[in-house]
């Protein structure tokens, strides 16, 4: 597949999940670079720039995509030959993909320590990092049960319950609006993240913030699992995270409701840091207010300043 076909798979959510989107984008840029057979450095740079723009246009909220693309293209402006750039892009892409997969395993090991035997865990949507924590704890012999939300409108919760059931973990599926009803038996909420802002706010599947509020009311710890490449360097400069809104047809057929009725389909919402107990990353368990330090430490200070419309240090 060419890069436009891959972008369409991401845009149409045939490829979904922040981590999978990021790894797919990294591989797509690597494949694009390898596919170039010429020696014209300007033509090659133009090709890669076009590929970058196409990928970044697909899912505006997923900072994992943005960070993946820029990680793959990091330092490419320092090389002037096609072969050198191909080698660098390939190395960067392979490193990103490898580290992103390893991050999920490490998050599972760290987060499992927050789970006690006998706990009932509530999770929302379908997060590989959150599921890694749950599966790791269960594999350690801890007795637990999971309540998973259906996660409308795409019903990613069905992916979650299938995976948990495949590991023989006792699981119950509920509709999204039953969270407050179910919270009375929950000991711990574990969710993933699409973006973590520099102030510690977490952008995740729509409904996450409501679950956090309900957990706060019930005094149930609310834990977020997020790889460091989901932290947003752009928010350091005050840029707001764009909340993606998708087609109304994902919710309802237009002929089912009057023409003058407006339909909104936001994909994500923002959970304030004060409702988050902790964020589990591959570098450790941290408070949400440590987001700024993580962005600077893990992604580099070059992300903090812009020059000529591009992020300093980035292609």
Protein backbone atom coordinates (compact mmCIF):
# COMPACT_ATOMS: atom_id res chain seq x y z
CA UNK A 1 0.00 0.00 0.00
CA UNK A 2 1.12 3.53 -0.68
CA UNK A 3 1.11 6.16 2.02
CA UNK A 4 -2.25 7.64 0.97
CA UNK A 5 -3.90 4.23 1.32
CA UNK A 6 -2.36 3.80 4.77
CA UNK A 7 -3.52 7.29 5.74
CA UNK A 8 -7.06 6.42 4.69
CA UNK A 9 -7.00 3.30 6.86
CA UNK A 10 -6.01 5.48 9.81
CA UNK A 11 -8.57 8.15 8.97
CA UNK A 12 -11.40 5.61 8.59
CA UNK A 13 -10.37 3.89 11.86
CA UNK A 14 -9.62 0.59 10.20
CA UNK A 15 -6.27 1.13 11.91
CA UNK A 16 -6.98 2.50 15.38
CA UNK A 17 -5.55 2.78 18.83
CA UNK A 18 -2.91 5.42 19.56
CA UNK A 19 0.00 3.00 19.69
CA UNK A 20 -0.96 1.11 16.56
CA UNK A 21 -1.51 4.35 14.66
CA UNK A 22 1.92 5.59 15.74
CA UNK A 23 3.73 2.40 14.76
CA UNK A 24 1.90 2.24 11.44
CA UNK A 25 2.89 5.83 10.63
CA UNK A 26 6.53 5.15 11.52
CA UNK A 27 6.60 2.08 9.30
CA UNK A 28 4.87 3.98 6.48
CA UNK A 29 7.53 6.70 6.46
CA UNK A 30 10.28 4.09 6.53
CA UNK A 31 8.71 2.26 3.58
CA UNK A 32 8.26 5.52 1.69
CA UNK A 33 11.92 6.40 2.15
CA UNK A 34 13.10 2.96 1.07
CA UNK A 35 10.86 3.04 -2.01
CA UNK A 36 12.64 6.10 -3.47
CA UNK A 37 15.12 5.03 -6.14
CA UNK A 38 16.56 8.40 -7.21
CA UNK A 39 19.51 10.49 -6.05
CA UNK A 40 17.90 13.94 -6.03
CA UNK A 41 18.01 15.12 -2.41
CA UNK A 42 15.46 17.89 -2.95
CA UNK A 43 13.05 15.50 -4.61
CA UNK A 44 13.52 13.03 -1.77
CA UNK A 45 12.90 15.66 0.89
CA UNK A 46 9.77 16.77 -0.96
CA UNK A 47 8.51 13.18 -1.05
CA UNK A 48 9.05 12.68 2.67
CA UNK A 49 7.47 16.07 3.48
CA UNK A 50 4.38 15.11 1.50
CA UNK A 51 4.18 11.77 3.29
CA UNK A 52 4.51 13.53 6.64
CA UNK A 53 1.70 15.97 5.82
CA UNK A 54 -0.61 13.21 4.61
CA UNK A 55 -0.16 11.18 7.78
CA UNK A 56 -0.53 14.13 10.16
CA UNK A 57 -3.83 15.14 8.54
CA UNK A 58 -5.56 11.88 9.46
CA UNK A 59 -6.19 12.04 13.25
CA UNK A 60 -5.62 15.53 14.70
CA UNK A 61 -6.02 14.59 18.38
CA UNK A 62 -3.62 11.64 18.48
CA UNK A 63 -0.29 13.14 19.57
CA UNK A 64 1.16 9.65 19.32
CA UNK A 65 0.93 10.05 15.55
CA UNK A 66 2.59 13.48 15.66
CA UNK A 67 5.38 12.26 17.92
CA UNK A 68 5.93 9.11 15.86
CA UNK A 69 6.28 11.07 12.62
CA UNK A 70 8.66 13.60 14.14
CA UNK A 71 10.67 10.90 15.90
CA UNK A 72 11.21 9.14 12.58
CA UNK A 73 12.28 12.40 10.94
CA UNK A 74 14.40 13.67 13.82
CA UNK A 75 17.79 15.08 12.71
CA UNK A 76 17.19 14.47 9.01
CA UNK A 77 17.96 18.11 8.25
CA UNK A 78 21.55 17.39 9.29
CA UNK A 79 22.20 15.08 6.31
CA UNK A 80 22.52 15.95 2.64
CA UNK A 81 22.55 12.65 0.78
CA UNK A 82 19.65 10.36 -0.06
CA UNK A 83 21.43 7.26 1.22
CA UNK A 84 22.23 8.90 4.55
CA UNK A 85 18.65 10.07 4.98
CA UNK A 86 17.28 6.65 4.09
CA UNK A 87 19.54 5.05 6.65
CA UNK A 88 18.59 7.57 9.35
CA UNK A 89 14.84 7.34 8.71
CA UNK A 90 15.02 3.53 8.76
CA UNK A 91 16.97 3.54 12.02
CA UNK A 92 14.64 6.09 13.64
CA UNK A 93 11.53 4.18 12.58
CA UNK A 94 12.83 0.83 13.80
CA UNK A 95 13.84 2.36 17.14
CA UNK A 96 10.45 4.00 17.63
CA UNK A 97 8.51 0.85 16.80
CA UNK A 98 10.67 -1.31 19.06
CA UNK A 99 10.54 1.11 22.00
CA UNK A 100 6.79 1.65 21.68
CA UNK A 101 6.12 -2.08 21.91
CA UNK A 102 8.51 -2.51 24.80
CA UNK A 103 6.83 0.40 26.59
CA UNK A 104 3.54 -1.49 26.77
CA UNK A 105 5.24 -4.45 28.45
CA UNK A 106 7.02 -2.25 30.99
CA UNK A 107 3.83 -0.31 31.77
CA UNK A 108 2.15 -3.65 32.43
CA UNK A 109 4.79 -4.62 34.98
CA UNK A 110 4.74 -1.26 36.76
CA UNK A 111 0.97 -0.83 36.75
CA UNK A 112 0.29 -4.38 37.96
CA UNK A 113 1.78 -3.39 41.31
CA UNK A 114 -1.20 -1.07 41.85
CA UNK A 115 -3.62 -4.00 41.63
CA UNK A 116 -4.44 -6.07 44.70
CA UNK A 117 -5.77 -9.60 44.56
CA UNK A 118 -9.56 -9.46 44.70
CA UNK A 119 -9.82 -6.06 42.99
CA UNK A 120 -12.61 -5.17 40.60
CA UNK A 121 -11.24 -2.97 37.82
CA UNK A 122 -13.18 -0.69 35.51
CA UNK A 123 -11.73 0.14 32.10
CA UNK A 124 -12.96 2.24 29.19
CA UNK A 125 -12.49 1.86 25.44
CA UNK A 126 -9.59 -0.33 24.26
CA UNK A 127 -6.12 0.52 25.53
CA UNK A 128 -3.22 -1.87 24.97
CA UNK A 129 -1.31 -0.24 27.83
CA UNK A 130 -4.23 -0.53 30.27
CA UNK A 131 -4.87 -4.12 29.22
CA UNK A 132 -1.18 -4.91 29.69
CA UNK A 133 -1.49 -3.86 33.34
CA UNK A 134 -4.58 -6.00 33.89
CA UNK A 135 -3.21 -9.06 32.08
CA UNK A 136 0.13 -8.82 33.88
CA UNK A 137 -1.55 -8.69 37.29
CA UNK A 138 -3.72 -11.68 36.40
CA UNK A 139 -0.70 -13.63 35.12
CA UNK A 140 0.96 -12.98 38.49
CA UNK A 141 -1.82 -14.96 40.11
CA UNK A 142 -3.90 -12.07 41.40
CA UNK A 143 -7.61 -12.77 41.49
CA UNK A 144 -9.48 -9.95 39.82
CA UNK A 145 -12.48 -9.12 37.71
CA UNK A 146 -12.97 -6.44 35.08
CA UNK A 147 -15.90 -4.24 34.11
CA UNK A 148 -15.53 -2.85 30.60
CA UNK A 149 -17.62 -0.15 29.00
CA UNK A 150 -19.11 -0.68 25.57
CA UNK A 151 -17.53 2.62 24.42
CA UNK A 152 -19.93 3.99 21.88
CA UNK A 153 -20.16 4.70 19.00
CA UNK A 154 -17.37 2.43 17.72
CA UNK A 155 -17.85 -0.09 20.57
CA UNK A 156 -14.15 -0.58 21.19
CA UNK A 157 -15.17 -2.19 24.46
CA UNK A 158 -16.00 -5.32 22.50
CA UNK A 159 -12.32 -5.58 21.53
CA UNK A 160 -11.42 -5.24 25.20
CA UNK A 161 -13.76 -7.95 26.49
CA UNK A 162 -12.70 -10.36 23.74
CA UNK A 163 -9.05 -9.93 24.65
CA UNK A 164 -9.67 -10.30 28.37
CA UNK A 165 -11.91 -13.32 27.87
CA UNK A 166 -9.18 -14.87 25.72
CA UNK A 167 -6.92 -14.71 28.78
CA UNK A 168 -9.65 -16.24 30.98
CA UNK A 169 -10.05 -13.02 32.99
CA UNK A 170 -13.57 -12.67 34.46
CA UNK A 171 -15.11 -9.76 32.56
CA UNK A 172 -18.44 -7.93 32.45
CA UNK A 173 -19.52 -5.62 29.63
CA UNK A 174 -21.72 -2.62 30.49
CA UNK A 175 -23.23 0.24 28.54
CA UNK A 176 -21.45 3.57 28.96
CA UNK A 177 -24.27 5.16 30.92
CA UNK A 178 -24.12 2.40 33.58
CA UNK A 179 -20.73 3.51 34.95
CA UNK A 180 -22.11 5.28 38.03
CA UNK A 181 -24.32 2.30 38.78
CA UNK A 182 -21.36 -0.07 38.51
CA UNK A 183 -18.84 2.09 40.40
CA UNK A 184 -20.09 0.90 43.79
CA UNK A 185 -18.26 -2.40 43.29
CA UNK A 186 -15.14 -0.98 41.60
CA UNK A 187 -11.79 -0.80 43.43
CA UNK A 188 -9.67 0.77 40.69
CA UNK A 189 -10.20 2.50 37.34
CA UNK A 190 -7.54 1.91 34.69
CA UNK A 191 -7.70 3.68 31.32
CA UNK A 192 -5.36 4.58 28.50
CA UNK A 193 -4.66 7.94 26.89
CA UNK A 194 -4.45 9.43 23.43
CA UNK A 195 -2.71 12.60 24.58
CA UNK A 196 -1.26 13.93 27.82
CA UNK A 197 -0.97 17.73 27.92
CA UNK A 198 1.84 19.60 29.65
CA UNK A 199 -0.47 20.57 32.52
CA UNK A 200 -1.29 16.91 33.21
CA UNK A 201 -4.71 16.83 31.59
CA UNK A 202 -5.44 13.59 29.76
CA UNK A 203 -7.23 13.46 26.43
CA UNK A 204 -8.88 10.09 25.91
CA UNK A 205 -11.97 8.41 24.49
CA UNK A 206 -15.16 10.41 24.98
CA UNK A 207 -16.68 9.53 28.35
CA UNK A 208 -13.36 9.21 30.17
CA UNK A 209 -13.80 12.49 32.03
CA UNK A 210 -17.25 11.43 33.26
CA UNK A 211 -15.79 8.19 34.58
CA UNK A 212 -13.07 10.18 36.36
CA UNK A 213 -15.70 12.39 38.00
CA UNK A 214 -17.70 9.37 39.13
CA UNK A 215 -14.54 7.72 40.47
CA UNK A 216 -13.67 10.89 42.37
CA UNK A 217 -17.13 10.95 43.92
CA UNK A 218 -16.78 7.29 44.93
CA UNK A 219 -13.18 7.74 46.18
CA UNK A 220 -11.94 5.16 43.68
CA UNK A 221 -8.38 5.68 42.36
CA UNK A 222 -8.27 6.68 38.69
CA UNK A 223 -5.08 5.50 36.95
CA UNK A 224 -3.99 6.40 33.42
CA UNK A 225 -1.59 4.26 31.38
CA UNK A 226 0.36 6.21 28.76
CA UNK A 227 3.60 5.70 26.88
CA UNK A 228 5.81 8.80 26.94
CA UNK A 229 5.28 9.37 23.21
CA UNK A 230 1.67 10.24 24.07
CA UNK A 231 2.81 13.37 25.93
CA UNK A 232 2.29 16.47 23.81
CA UNK A 233 5.24 18.87 23.35
CA UNK A 234 3.04 21.32 21.45
CA UNK A 235 1.03 22.05 24.59
CA UNK A 236 4.17 23.50 26.20
CA UNK A 237 3.70 26.57 24.02
CA UNK A 238 0.03 26.90 24.91
CA UNK A 239 -1.41 25.08 21.91
CA UNK A 240 -4.74 23.49 22.73
CA UNK A 241 -5.33 19.86 21.85
CA UNK A 242 -7.76 19.68 18.94
CA UNK A 243 -10.71 17.45 19.82
CA UNK A 244 -11.58 15.44 16.73
CA UNK A 245 -15.23 15.39 15.71
CA UNK A 246 -16.38 12.66 13.39
CA UNK A 247 -19.36 12.17 11.09
CA UNK A 248 -22.80 12.15 12.69
CA UNK A 249 -23.64 8.98 10.77
CA UNK A 250 -21.45 7.07 13.22
CA UNK A 251 -24.12 7.80 15.84
CA UNK A 252 -27.43 7.91 14.02
CA UNK A 253 -28.88 7.80 10.52
CA UNK A 254 -30.01 11.27 9.53
CA UNK A 255 -33.39 9.99 8.36
CA UNK A 256 -34.13 8.82 11.91
CA UNK A 257 -34.27 12.33 13.32
CA UNK A 258 -35.72 15.71 12.21
CA UNK A 259 -33.57 17.75 9.84
CA UNK A 260 -33.31 20.65 12.28
CA UNK A 261 -31.75 18.47 15.00
CA UNK A 262 -28.00 18.93 15.34
CA UNK A 263 -25.79 15.90 15.98
CA UNK A 264 -22.36 16.17 17.60
CA UNK A 265 -19.87 13.31 17.61
CA UNK A 266 -16.73 14.31 19.57
CA UNK A 267 -14.27 11.44 19.80
CA UNK A 268 -12.33 12.55 22.88
CA UNK A 269 -12.66 14.59 26.05
CA UNK A 270 -10.24 16.07 28.57
CA UNK A 271 -9.85 14.78 32.12
CA UNK A 272 -8.36 17.40 34.50
CA UNK A 273 -5.23 16.33 36.42
CA UNK A 274 -6.93 16.77 39.79
CA UNK A 275 -9.08 13.70 39.07
CA UNK A 276 -6.11 11.52 38.11
CA UNK A 277 -4.39 9.49 40.81
CA UNK A 278 -1.30 8.70 38.74
CA UNK A 279 -0.01 8.07 35.23
CA UNK A 280 1.83 4.82 34.55
CA UNK A 281 4.57 5.26 31.93
CA UNK A 282 7.48 3.10 30.81
CA UNK A 283 9.80 5.32 32.87
CA UNK A 284 7.76 4.90 36.04
CA UNK A 285 4.58 5.85 37.84
CA UNK A 286 4.27 9.63 37.98
CA UNK A 287 1.76 12.26 39.12
CA UNK A 288 -0.05 14.04 36.27
CA UNK A 289 1.67 17.30 37.15
CA UNK A 290 5.00 15.74 36.14
CA UNK A 291 3.93 15.89 32.50
CA UNK A 292 6.04 18.98 31.79
CA UNK A 293 9.23 17.32 33.03
CA UNK A 294 8.52 14.16 31.04
CA UNK A 295 8.02 16.10 27.82
CA UNK A 296 11.30 17.97 28.23
CA UNK A 297 13.27 14.96 29.45
CA UNK A 298 11.98 12.30 27.07
CA UNK A 299 11.23 14.29 23.93
CA UNK A 300 14.00 16.86 24.20
CA UNK A 301 14.10 20.60 24.65
CA UNK A 302 14.15 21.12 20.88
CA UNK A 303 10.39 20.52 20.96
CA UNK A 304 9.92 23.68 23.04
CA UNK A 305 10.82 26.25 20.43
CA UNK A 306 9.69 26.91 16.89
CA UNK A 307 11.79 28.27 14.07
CA UNK A 308 10.45 29.15 10.66
CA UNK A 309 7.15 27.42 11.28
CA UNK A 310 8.76 24.07 12.07
CA UNK A 311 9.73 22.65 15.40
CA UNK A 312 13.42 23.21 16.08
CA UNK A 313 15.42 20.04 15.53
CA UNK A 314 12.69 18.47 13.39
CA UNK A 315 12.41 17.97 9.64
